[in-house]
Amino acid sequence: MSFIQNSGDILNIVKAISILGISVFLVFFIYYLVMMMRELFKMIREMRERINRVDETIDALKKKIEHSASYLSLIGEGVKKLVEVAKEHRGGSKKTRKQDSRKTKK
């Protein structure tokens, strides 16, 4: 009971081994391809999350700048008033000094 009786049997055994080898190779290839695709999808998801976080940060910064810009006019008016008061104080103190020096000279 020999399995190999002629050259056709050898050919069939070689074909079976070749098909088995190709099948194993294809299984590993598909497995690694699926793992690569899985990692690619993870990376894409992470990049989307990062881009969304950056977008949210930019929006928050933009809102803060808009709100602070509305306060800039008030701050500008306050600085103007402060400068006016400082000028009046300086001008008033110079006048009183002149008046005091005139009084002492008389």
PDB file of N, CA and C in Angstrom:
ATOM      1  N   MET A   1       0.821  -1.187   0.000  1.00  0.00           N
ATOM      2  CA  MET A   1       0.000   0.000   0.000  1.00  0.00           C
ATOM      3  C   MET A   1       0.864   1.249   0.000  1.00  0.00           C
ATOM      4  N   SER A   2       1.413   1.483  -1.040  1.00  0.00           N
ATOM      5  CA  SER A   2       2.250   2.658  -1.186  1.00  0.00           C
ATOM      6  C   SER A   2       1.404   3.806  -1.735  1.00  0.00           C
ATOM      7  N   PHE A   3       1.663   4.992  -1.169  1.00  0.00           N
ATOM      8  CA  PHE A   3       0.908   6.160  -1.644  1.00  0.00           C
ATOM      9  C   PHE A   3       1.412   6.639  -2.989  1.00  0.00           C
ATOM     10  N   ILE A   4       2.645   6.428  -3.237  1.00  0.00           N
ATOM     11  CA  ILE A   4       3.235   6.896  -4.488  1.00  0.00           C
ATOM     12  C   ILE A   4       3.421   5.697  -5.406  1.00  0.00           C
ATOM     13  N   GLN A   5       2.615   5.646  -6.465  1.00  0.00           N
ATOM     14  CA  GLN A   5       2.719   4.537  -7.413  1.00  0.00           C
ATOM     15  C   GLN A   5       3.255   5.004  -8.760  1.00  0.00           C
ATOM     16  N   ASN A   6       3.036   6.273  -9.099  1.00  0.00           N
ATOM     17  CA  ASN A   6       3.577   6.782 -10.359  1.00  0.00           C
ATOM     18  C   ASN A   6       3.895   8.277 -10.215  1.00  0.00           C
ATOM     19  N   SER A   7       4.352   8.898 -11.273  1.00  0.00           N
ATOM     20  CA  SER A   7       4.763  10.310 -11.226  1.00  0.00           C
ATOM     21  C   SER A   7       3.568  11.244 -11.039  1.00  0.00           C
ATOM     22  N   GLY A   8       2.375  10.825 -11.420  1.00  0.00           N
ATOM     23  CA  GLY A   8       1.159  11.630 -11.222  1.00  0.00           C
ATOM     24  C   GLY A   8       0.851  11.816  -9.741  1.00  0.00           C
ATOM     25  N   ASP A   9       1.130  10.783  -8.952  1.00  0.00           N
ATOM     26  CA  ASP A   9       0.924  10.894  -7.507  1.00  0.00           C
ATOM     27  C   ASP A   9       1.884  11.908  -6.885  1.00  0.00           C
ATOM     28  N   ILE A  10       3.138  11.887  -7.348  1.00  0.00           N
ATOM     29  CA  ILE A  10       4.127  12.869  -6.855  1.00  0.00           C
ATOM     30  C   ILE A  10       3.675  14.279  -7.218  1.00  0.00           C
ATOM     31  N   LEU A  11       3.188  14.425  -8.446  1.00  0.00           N
ATOM     32  CA  LEU A  11       2.709  15.744  -8.888  1.00  0.00           C
ATOM     33  C   LEU A  11       1.552  16.213  -8.029  1.00  0.00           C
ATOM     34  N   ASN A  12       0.620  15.345  -7.708  1.00  0.00           N
ATOM     35  CA  ASN A  12      -0.525  15.721  -6.864  1.00  0.00           C
ATOM     36  C   ASN A  12      -0.075  16.094  -5.450  1.00  0.00           C
ATOM     37  N   ILE A  13       0.893  15.373  -4.899  1.00  0.00           N
ATOM     38  CA  ILE A  13       1.415  15.710  -3.567  1.00  0.00           C
ATOM     39  C   ILE A  13       2.095  17.082  -3.586  1.00  0.00           C
ATOM     40  N   VAL A  14       2.887  17.354  -4.618  1.00  0.00           N
ATOM     41  CA  VAL A  14       3.567  18.658  -4.748  1.00  0.00           C
ATOM     42  C   VAL A  14       2.526  19.767  -4.903  1.00  0.00           C
ATOM     43  N   LYS A  15       1.490  19.526  -5.696  1.00  0.00           N
ATOM     44  CA  LYS A  15       0.420  20.522  -5.851  1.00  0.00           C
ATOM     45  C   LYS A  15      -0.259  20.810  -4.506  1.00  0.00           C
ATOM     46  N   ALA A  16      -0.542  19.764  -3.751  1.00  0.00           N
ATOM     47  CA  ALA A  16      -1.204  19.939  -2.455  1.00  0.00           C
ATOM     48  C   ALA A  16      -0.317  20.730  -1.492  1.00  0.00           C
ATOM     49  N   ILE A  17       0.973  20.398  -1.455  1.00  0.00           N
ATOM     50  CA  ILE A  17       1.901  21.133  -0.576  1.00  0.00           C
ATOM     51  C   ILE A  17       2.005  22.586  -1.026  1.00  0.00           C
ATOM     52  N   SER A  18       2.055  22.839  -2.321  1.00  0.00           N
ATOM     53  CA  SER A  18       2.137  24.205  -2.853  1.00  0.00           C
ATOM     54  C   SER A  18       0.882  24.997  -2.499  1.00  0.00           C
ATOM     55  N   ILE A  19      -0.266  24.395  -2.670  1.00  0.00           N
ATOM     56  CA  ILE A  19      -1.521  25.079  -2.341  1.00  0.00           C
ATOM     57  C   ILE A  19      -1.584  25.374  -0.851  1.00  0.00           C
ATOM     58  N   LEU A  20      -1.125  24.432  -0.030  1.00  0.00           N
ATOM     59  CA  LEU A  20      -1.091  24.654   1.418  1.00  0.00           C
ATOM     60  C   LEU A  20      -0.147  25.807   1.760  1.00  0.00           C
ATOM     61  N   GLY A  21       1.010  25.836   1.138  1.00  0.00           N
ATOM     62  CA  GLY A  21       1.975  26.929   1.372  1.00  0.00           C
ATOM     63  C   GLY A  21       1.408  28.278   0.959  1.00  0.00           C
ATOM     64  N   ILE A  22       0.792  28.334  -0.208  1.00  0.00           N
ATOM     65  CA  ILE A  22       0.190  29.586  -0.689  1.00  0.00           C
ATOM     66  C   ILE A  22      -0.944  30.015   0.237  1.00  0.00           C
ATOM     67  N   SER A  23      -1.730  29.044   0.708  1.00  0.00           N
ATOM     68  CA  SER A  23      -2.832  29.371   1.622  1.00  0.00           C
ATOM     69  C   SER A  23      -2.307  29.957   2.928  1.00  0.00           C
ATOM     70  N   VAL A  24      -1.262  29.343   3.481  1.00  0.00           N
ATOM     71  CA  VAL A  24      -0.676  29.856   4.725  1.00  0.00           C
ATOM     72  C   VAL A  24      -0.135  31.267   4.498  1.00  0.00           C
ATOM     73  N   PHE A  25       0.567  31.459   3.392  1.00  0.00           N
ATOM     74  CA  PHE A  25       1.105  32.784   3.071  1.00  0.00           C
ATOM     75  C   PHE A  25      -0.017  33.812   2.945  1.00  0.00           C
ATOM     76  N   LEU A  26      -1.101  33.460   2.250  1.00  0.00           N
ATOM     77  CA  LEU A  26      -2.220  34.391   2.082  1.00  0.00           C
ATOM     78  C   LEU A  26      -2.903  34.710   3.419  1.00  0.00           C
ATOM     79  N   VAL A  27      -3.007  33.718   4.291  1.00  0.00           N
ATOM     80  CA  VAL A  27      -3.616  33.956   5.602  1.00  0.00           C
ATOM     81  C   VAL A  27      -2.787  34.956   6.392  1.00  0.00           C
ATOM     82  N   PHE A  28      -1.464  34.761   6.441  1.00  0.00           N
ATOM     83  CA  PHE A  28      -0.611  35.710   7.156  1.00  0.00           C
ATOM     84  C   PHE A  28      -0.634  37.091   6.498  1.00  0.00           C
ATOM     85  N   PHE A  29      -0.641  37.121   5.164  1.00  0.00           N
ATOM     86  CA  PHE A  29      -0.691  38.401   4.453  1.00  0.00           C
ATOM     87  C   PHE A  29      -1.974  39.159   4.772  1.00  0.00           C
ATOM     88  N   ILE A  30      -3.096  38.473   4.730  1.00  0.00           N
ATOM     89  CA  ILE A  30      -4.382  39.112   5.030  1.00  0.00           C
ATOM     90  C   ILE A  30      -4.435  39.553   6.488  1.00  0.00           C
ATOM     91  N   TYR A  31      -3.896  38.711   7.390  1.00  0.00           N
ATOM     92  CA  TYR A  31      -3.865  39.075   8.805  1.00  0.00           C
ATOM     93  C   TYR A  31      -3.078  40.375   9.018  1.00  0.00           C
ATOM     94  N   TYR A  32      -1.882  40.452   8.461  1.00  0.00           N
ATOM     95  CA  TYR A  32      -1.071  41.665   8.628  1.00  0.00           C
ATOM     96  C   TYR A  32      -1.702  42.863   7.925  1.00  0.00           C
ATOM     97  N   LEU A  33      -2.347  42.644   6.804  1.00  0.00           N
ATOM     98  CA  LEU A  33      -3.044  43.711   6.107  1.00  0.00           C
ATOM     99  C   LEU A  33      -4.176  44.262   6.973  1.00  0.00           C
ATOM    100  N   VAL A  34      -4.937  43.362   7.597  1.00  0.00           N
ATOM    101  CA  VAL A  34      -6.030  43.790   8.473  1.00  0.00           C
ATOM    102  C   VAL A  34      -5.477  44.544   9.678  1.00  0.00           C
ATOM    103  N   MET A  35      -4.375  44.079  10.259  1.00  0.00           N
ATOM    104  CA  MET A  35      -3.770  44.774  11.403  1.00  0.00           C
ATOM    105  C   MET A  35      -3.263  46.155  11.007  1.00  0.00           C
ATOM    106  N   MET A  36      -2.685  46.266   9.821  1.00  0.00           N
ATOM    107  CA  MET A  36      -2.224  47.574   9.344  1.00  0.00           C
ATOM    108  C   MET A  36      -3.409  48.522   9.142  1.00  0.00           C
ATOM    109  N   MET A  37      -4.476  48.008   8.566  1.00  0.00           N
ATOM    110  CA  MET A  37      -5.664  48.838   8.365  1.00  0.00           C
ATOM    111  C   MET A  37      -6.254  49.282   9.705  1.00  0.00           C
ATOM    112  N   ARG A  38      -6.253  48.377  10.688  1.00  0.00           N
ATOM    113  CA  ARG A  38      -6.764  48.707  12.020  1.00  0.00           C
ATOM    114  C   ARG A  38      -5.940  49.840  12.644  1.00  0.00           C
ATOM    115  N   GLU A  39      -4.627  49.731  12.546  1.00  0.00           N
ATOM    116  CA  GLU A  39      -3.754  50.780  13.084  1.00  0.00           C
ATOM    117  C   GLU A  39      -3.959  52.097  12.330  1.00  0.00           C
ATOM    118  N   LEU A  40      -4.160  51.990  11.026  1.00  0.00           N
ATOM    119  CA  LEU A  40      -4.402  53.194  10.225  1.00  0.00           C
ATOM    120  C   LEU A  40      -5.689  53.881  10.665  1.00  0.00           C
ATOM    121  N   PHE A  41      -6.734  53.132  10.904  1.00  0.00           N
ATOM    122  CA  PHE A  41      -7.998  53.711  11.362  1.00  0.00           C
ATOM    123  C   PHE A  41      -7.848  54.330  12.745  1.00  0.00           C
ATOM    124  N   LYS A  42      -7.059  53.690  13.624  1.00  0.00           N
ATOM    125  CA  LYS A  42      -6.801  54.268  14.947  1.00  0.00           C
ATOM    126  C   LYS A  42      -6.076  55.606  14.820  1.00  0.00           C
ATOM    127  N   MET A  43      -5.077  55.634  13.947  1.00  0.00           N
ATOM    128  CA  MET A  43      -4.322  56.875  13.750  1.00  0.00           C
ATOM    129  C   MET A  43      -5.224  57.967  13.191  1.00  0.00           C
ATOM    130  N   ILE A  44      -6.063  57.632  12.252  1.00  0.00           N
ATOM    131  CA  ILE A  44      -6.974  58.616  11.667  1.00  0.00           C
ATOM    132  C   ILE A  44      -7.935  59.141  12.724  1.00  0.00           C
ATOM    133  N   ARG A  45      -8.455  58.265  13.572  1.00  0.00           N
ATOM    134  CA  ARG A  45      -9.368  58.680  14.632  1.00  0.00           C
ATOM    135  C   ARG A  45      -8.667  59.613  15.623  1.00  0.00           C
ATOM    136  N   GLU A  46      -7.436  59.258  15.998  1.00  0.00           N
ATOM    137  CA  GLU A  46      -6.671  60.109  16.913  1.00  0.00           C
ATOM    138  C   GLU A  46      -6.384  61.472  16.290  1.00  0.00           C
ATOM    139  N   MET A  47      -6.052  61.482  15.012  1.00  0.00           N
ATOM    140  CA  MET A  47      -5.776  62.760  14.345  1.00  0.00           C
ATOM    141  C   MET A  47      -7.042  63.607  14.281  1.00  0.00           C
ATOM    142  N   ARG A  48      -8.179  62.996  14.046  1.00  0.00           N
ATOM    143  CA  ARG A  48      -9.442  63.745  14.045  1.00  0.00           C
ATOM    144  C   ARG A  48      -9.704  64.346  15.411  1.00  0.00           C
ATOM    145  N   GLU A  49      -9.469  63.561  16.469  1.00  0.00           N
ATOM    146  CA  GLU A  49      -9.671  64.069  17.826  1.00  0.00           C
ATOM    147  C   GLU A  49      -8.729  65.230  18.115  1.00  0.00           C
ATOM    148  N   ARG A  50      -7.476  65.093  17.713  1.00  0.00           N
ATOM    149  CA  ARG A  50      -6.511  66.180  17.927  1.00  0.00           C
ATOM    150  C   ARG A  50      -6.905  67.425  17.147  1.00  0.00           C
ATOM    151  N   ILE A  51      -7.313  67.242  15.912  1.00  0.00           N
ATOM    152  CA  ILE A  51      -7.723  68.391  15.094  1.00  0.00           C
ATOM    153  C   ILE A  51      -8.943  69.056  15.714  1.00  0.00           C
ATOM    154  N   ASN A  52      -9.886  68.253  16.223  1.00  0.00           N
ATOM    155  CA  ASN A  52     -11.061  68.823  16.881  1.00  0.00           C
ATOM    156  C   ASN A  52     -10.660  69.599  18.128  1.00  0.00           C
ATOM    157  N   ARG A  53      -9.706  69.054  18.910  1.00  0.00           N
ATOM    158  CA  ARG A  53      -9.245  69.775  20.108  1.00  0.00           C
ATOM    159  C   ARG A  53      -8.569  71.081  19.734  1.00  0.00           C
ATOM    160  N   VAL A  54      -7.756  71.060  18.681  1.00  0.00           N
ATOM    161  CA  VAL A  54      -7.095  72.283  18.233  1.00  0.00           C
ATOM    162  C   VAL A  54      -8.137  73.296  17.760  1.00  0.00           C
ATOM    163  N   ASP A  55      -9.134  72.814  17.037  1.00  0.00           N
ATOM    164  CA  ASP A  55     -10.210  73.683  16.557  1.00  0.00           C
ATOM    165  C   ASP A  55     -10.981  74.297  17.726  1.00  0.00           C
ATOM    166  N   GLU A  56     -11.271  73.483  18.745  1.00  0.00           N
ATOM    167  CA  GLU A  56     -11.976  73.998  19.922  1.00  0.00           C
ATOM    168  C   GLU A  56     -11.122  75.032  20.654  1.00  0.00           C
ATOM    169  N   THR A  57      -9.829  74.777  20.748  1.00  0.00           N
ATOM    170  CA  THR A  57      -8.929  75.719  21.404  1.00  0.00           C
ATOM    171  C   THR A  57      -8.879  77.033  20.641  1.00  0.00           C
ATOM    172  N   ILE A  58      -8.811  76.951  19.335  1.00  0.00           N
ATOM    173  CA  ILE A  58      -8.778  78.165  18.516  1.00  0.00           C
ATOM    174  C   ILE A  58     -10.089  78.930  18.665  1.00  0.00           C
ATOM    175  N   ASP A  59     -11.205  78.218  18.681  1.00  0.00           N
ATOM    176  CA  ASP A  59     -12.500  78.887  18.870  1.00  0.00           C
ATOM    177  C   ASP A  59     -12.574  79.570  20.229  1.00  0.00           C
ATOM    178  N   ALA A  60     -12.106  78.890  21.277  1.00  0.00           N
ATOM    179  CA  ALA A  60     -12.123  79.486  22.611  1.00  0.00           C
ATOM    180  C   ALA A  60     -11.234  80.719  22.659  1.00  0.00           C
ATOM    181  N   LEU A  61     -10.053  80.630  22.056  1.00  0.00           N
ATOM    182  CA  LEU A  61      -9.144  81.774  22.005  1.00  0.00           C
ATOM    183  C   LEU A  61      -9.764  82.922  21.223  1.00  0.00           C
ATOM    184  N   LYS A  62     -10.427  82.597  20.137  1.00  0.00           N
ATOM    185  CA  LYS A  62     -11.087  83.613  19.318  1.00  0.00           C
ATOM    186  C   LYS A  62     -12.183  84.319  20.118  1.00  0.00           C
ATOM    187  N   LYS A  63     -12.970  83.537  20.873  1.00  0.00           N
ATOM    188  CA  LYS A  63     -14.023  84.141  21.695  1.00  0.00           C
ATOM    189  C   LYS A  63     -13.429  85.030  22.773  1.00  0.00           C
ATOM    190  N   LYS A  64     -12.348  84.580  23.394  1.00  0.00           N
ATOM    191  CA  LYS A  64     -11.708  85.397  24.431  1.00  0.00           C
ATOM    192  C   LYS A  64     -11.183  86.701  23.843  1.00  0.00           C
ATOM    193  N   ILE A  65     -10.613  86.619  22.659  1.00  0.00           N
ATOM    194  CA  ILE A  65     -10.099  87.833  22.017  1.00  0.00           C
ATOM    195  C   ILE A  65     -11.249  88.764  21.668  1.00  0.00           C
ATOM    196  N   GLU A  66     -12.365  88.210  21.190  1.00  0.00           N
ATOM    197  CA  GLU A  66     -13.524  89.045  20.862  1.00  0.00           C
ATOM    198  C   GLU A  66     -14.068  89.724  22.115  1.00  0.00           C
ATOM    199  N   HIS A  67     -14.141  88.979  23.222  1.00  0.00           N
ATOM    200  CA  HIS A  67     -14.645  89.566  24.460  1.00  0.00           C
ATOM    201  C   HIS A  67     -13.687  90.626  24.995  1.00  0.00           C
ATOM    202  N   SER A  68     -12.398  90.344  24.918  1.00  0.00           N
ATOM    203  CA  SER A  68     -11.443  91.334  25.411  1.00  0.00           C
ATOM    204  C   SER A  68     -11.395  92.546  24.486  1.00  0.00           C
ATOM    205  N   ALA A  69     -11.673  92.357  23.202  1.00  0.00           N
ATOM    206  CA  ALA A  69     -11.705  93.486  22.281  1.00  0.00           C
ATOM    207  C   ALA A  69     -12.848  94.430  22.636  1.00  0.00           C
ATOM    208  N   SER A  70     -13.950  93.882  23.116  1.00  0.00           N
ATOM    209  CA  SER A  70     -15.059  94.749  23.517  1.00  0.00           C
ATOM    210  C   SER A  70     -14.688  95.553  24.759  1.00  0.00           C
ATOM    211  N   TYR A  71     -13.832  95.006  25.595  1.00  0.00           N
ATOM    212  CA  TYR A  71     -13.384  95.742  26.785  1.00  0.00           C
ATOM    213  C   TYR A  71     -12.279  96.740  26.467  1.00  0.00           C
ATOM    214  N   LEU A  72     -11.621  96.584  25.333  1.00  0.00           N
ATOM    215  CA  LEU A  72     -10.530  97.497  24.989  1.00  0.00           C
ATOM    216  C   LEU A  72     -11.012  98.932  24.849  1.00  0.00           C
ATOM    217  N   SER A  73     -12.195  99.118  24.299  1.00  0.00           N
ATOM    218  CA  SER A  73     -12.708 100.483  24.162  1.00  0.00           C
ATOM    219  C   SER A  73     -12.938 101.090  25.538  1.00  0.00           C
ATOM    220  N   LEU A  74     -13.467 100.294  26.464  1.00  0.00           N
ATOM    221  CA  LEU A  74     -13.663 100.791  27.832  1.00  0.00           C
ATOM    222  C   LEU A  74     -12.330 101.088  28.499  1.00  0.00           C
ATOM    223  N   ILE A  75     -11.373 100.231  28.301  1.00  0.00           N
ATOM    224  CA  ILE A  75     -10.051 100.452  28.878  1.00  0.00           C
ATOM    225  C   ILE A  75      -9.424 101.699  28.269  1.00  0.00           C
ATOM    226  N   GLY A  76      -9.601 101.883  26.957  1.00  0.00           N
ATOM    227  CA  GLY A  76      -9.072 103.072  26.290  1.00  0.00           C
ATOM    228  C   GLY A  76      -9.687 104.342  26.846  1.00  0.00           C
ATOM    229  N   GLU A  77     -10.982 104.329  27.059  1.00  0.00           N
ATOM    230  CA  GLU A  77     -11.644 105.501  27.631  1.00  0.00           C
ATOM    231  C   GLU A  77     -11.144 105.764  29.053  1.00  0.00           C
ATOM    232  N   GLY A  78     -10.940 104.696  29.813  1.00  0.00           N
ATOM    233  CA  GLY A  78     -10.416 104.849  31.170  1.00  0.00           C
ATOM    234  C   GLY A  78      -9.023 105.439  31.166  1.00  0.00           C
ATOM    235  N   VAL A  79      -8.195 105.004  30.244  1.00  0.00           N
ATOM    236  CA  VAL A  79      -6.834 105.545  30.142  1.00  0.00           C
ATOM    237  C   VAL A  79      -6.891 107.010  29.745  1.00  0.00           C
ATOM    238  N   LYS A  80      -7.780 107.370  28.840  1.00  0.00           N
ATOM    239  CA  LYS A  80      -7.928 108.776  28.450  1.00  0.00           C
ATOM    240  C   LYS A  80      -8.306 109.629  29.656  1.00  0.00           C
ATOM    241  N   LYS A  81      -9.278 109.152  30.432  1.00  0.00           N
ATOM    242  CA  LYS A  81      -9.689 109.892  31.631  1.00  0.00           C
ATOM    243  C   LYS A  81      -8.524 110.015  32.601  1.00  0.00           C
ATOM    244  N   LEU A  82      -7.772 108.936  32.763  1.00  0.00           N
ATOM    245  CA  LEU A  82      -6.633 108.959  33.663  1.00  0.00           C
ATOM    246  C   LEU A  82      -5.590 109.960  33.206  1.00  0.00           C
ATOM    247  N   VAL A  83      -5.344 110.017  31.904  1.00  0.00           N
ATOM    248  CA  VAL A  83      -4.383 110.987  31.356  1.00  0.00           C
ATOM    249  C   VAL A  83      -4.895 112.406  31.570  1.00  0.00           C
ATOM    250  N   GLU A  84      -6.180 112.616  31.358  1.00  0.00           N
ATOM    251  CA  GLU A  84      -6.755 113.950  31.575  1.00  0.00           C
ATOM    252  C   GLU A  84      -6.622 114.365  33.032  1.00  0.00           C
ATOM    253  N   VAL A  85      -6.918 113.432  33.928  1.00  0.00           N
ATOM    254  CA  VAL A  85      -6.794 113.745  35.352  1.00  0.00           C
ATOM    255  C   VAL A  85      -5.351 114.039  35.694  1.00  0.00           C
ATOM    256  N   ALA A  86      -4.426 113.269  35.144  1.00  0.00           N
ATOM    257  CA  ALA A  86      -3.006 113.501  35.411  1.00  0.00           C
ATOM    258  C   ALA A  86      -2.580 114.860  34.870  1.00  0.00           C
ATOM    259  N   LYS A  87      -3.066 115.228  33.699  1.00  0.00           N
ATOM    260  CA  LYS A  87      -2.730 116.536  33.134  1.00  0.00           C
ATOM    261  C   LYS A  87      -3.287 117.653  34.002  1.00  0.00           C
ATOM    262  N   GLU A  88      -4.532 117.489  34.438  1.00  0.00           N
ATOM    263  CA  GLU A  88      -5.131 118.502  35.315  1.00  0.00           C
ATOM    264  C   GLU A  88      -4.367 118.599  36.627  1.00  0.00           C
ATOM    265  N   HIS A  89      -3.977 117.491  37.162  1.00  0.00           N
ATOM    266  CA  HIS A  89      -3.233 117.483  38.416  1.00  0.00           C
ATOM    267  C   HIS A  89      -1.886 118.172  38.238  1.00  0.00           C
ATOM    268  N   ARG A  90      -1.202 117.864  37.156  1.00  0.00           N
ATOM    269  CA  ARG A  90       0.079 118.519  36.876  1.00  0.00           C
ATOM    270  C   ARG A  90      -0.122 120.002  36.646  1.00  0.00           C
ATOM    271  N   GLY A  91      -1.087 120.288  35.790  1.00  0.00           N
ATOM    272  CA  GLY A  91      -1.353 121.705  35.476  1.00  0.00           C
ATOM    273  C   GLY A  91      -1.778 122.455  36.721  1.00  0.00           C
ATOM    274  N   GLY A  92      -2.602 121.871  37.534  1.00  0.00           N
ATOM    275  CA  GLY A  92      -3.071 122.508  38.759  1.00  0.00           C
ATOM    276  C   GLY A  92      -1.930 122.709  39.737  1.00  0.00           C
ATOM    277  N   SER A  93      -1.061 121.753  39.844  1.00  0.00           N
ATOM    278  CA  SER A  93       0.036 121.872  40.792  1.00  0.00           C
ATOM    279  C   SER A  93       1.021 122.935  40.329  1.00  0.00           C
ATOM    280  N   LYS A  94       1.221 123.083  39.026  1.00  0.00           N
ATOM    281  CA  LYS A  94       2.114 124.120  38.515  1.00  0.00           C
ATOM    282  C   LYS A  94       1.519 125.500  38.775  1.00  0.00           C
ATOM    283  N   LYS A  95       0.222 125.614  38.581  1.00  0.00           N
ATOM    284  CA  LYS A  95      -0.433 126.901  38.814  1.00  0.00           C
ATOM    285  C   LYS A  95      -0.331 127.287  40.280  1.00  0.00           C
ATOM    286  N   THR A  96      -0.586 126.301  41.147  1.00  0.00           N
ATOM    287  CA  THR A  96      -0.521 126.633  42.572  1.00  0.00           C
ATOM    288  C   THR A  96       0.901 126.967  42.982  1.00  0.00           C
ATOM    289  N   ARG A  97       1.879 126.356  42.395  1.00  0.00           N
ATOM    290  CA  ARG A  97       3.273 126.681  42.699  1.00  0.00           C
ATOM    291  C   ARG A  97       3.587 128.113  42.274  1.00  0.00           C
ATOM    292  N   LYS A  98       3.093 128.448  41.066  1.00  0.00           N
ATOM    293  CA  LYS A  98       3.333 129.818  40.593  1.00  0.00           C
ATOM    294  C   LYS A  98       2.649 130.828  41.498  1.00  0.00           C
ATOM    295  N   GLN A  99       1.428 130.510  41.881  1.00  0.00           N
ATOM    296  CA  GLN A  99       0.700 131.424  42.759  1.00  0.00           C
ATOM    297  C   GLN A  99       1.387 131.515  44.107  1.00  0.00           C
ATOM    298  N   ASP A 100       1.864 130.420  44.639  1.00  0.00           N
ATOM    299  CA  ASP A 100       2.557 130.410  45.922  1.00  0.00           C
ATOM    300  C   ASP A 100       3.848 131.183  45.835  1.00  0.00           C
ATOM    301  N   SER A 101       4.563 131.051  44.698  1.00  0.00           N
ATOM    302  CA  SER A 101       5.825 131.779  44.578  1.00  0.00           C
ATOM    303  C   SER A 101       5.574 133.274  44.419  1.00  0.00           C
ATOM    304  N   ARG A 102       4.474 133.650  43.793  1.00  0.00           N
ATOM    305  CA  ARG A 102       4.138 135.070  43.656  1.00  0.00           C
ATOM    306  C   ARG A 102       3.775 135.643  45.012  1.00  0.00           C
ATOM    307  N   LYS A 103       3.060 134.877  45.827  1.00  0.00           N
ATOM    308  CA  LYS A 103       2.652 135.345  47.142  1.00  0.00           C
ATOM    309  C   LYS A 103       3.881 135.519  48.029  1.00  0.00           C
ATOM    310  N   THR A 104       4.827 134.649  47.941  1.00  0.00           N
ATOM    311  CA  THR A 104       6.007 134.773  48.779  1.00  0.00           C
ATOM    312  C   THR A 104       6.883 135.923  48.342  1.00  0.00           C
ATOM    313  N   LYS A 105       6.867 136.277  47.042  1.00  0.00           N
ATOM    314  CA  LYS A 105       7.670 137.379  46.559  1.00  0.00           C
ATOM    315  C   LYS A 105       7.095 138.710  47.001  1.00  0.00           C
ATOM    316  N   LYS A 106       5.828 138.817  47.157  1.00  0.00           N
ATOM    317  CA  LYS A 106       5.209 140.068  47.519  1.00  0.00           C
ATOM    318  C   LYS A 106       5.439 140.361  48.920  1.00  0.00           C
TER     319      LYS A 106
END
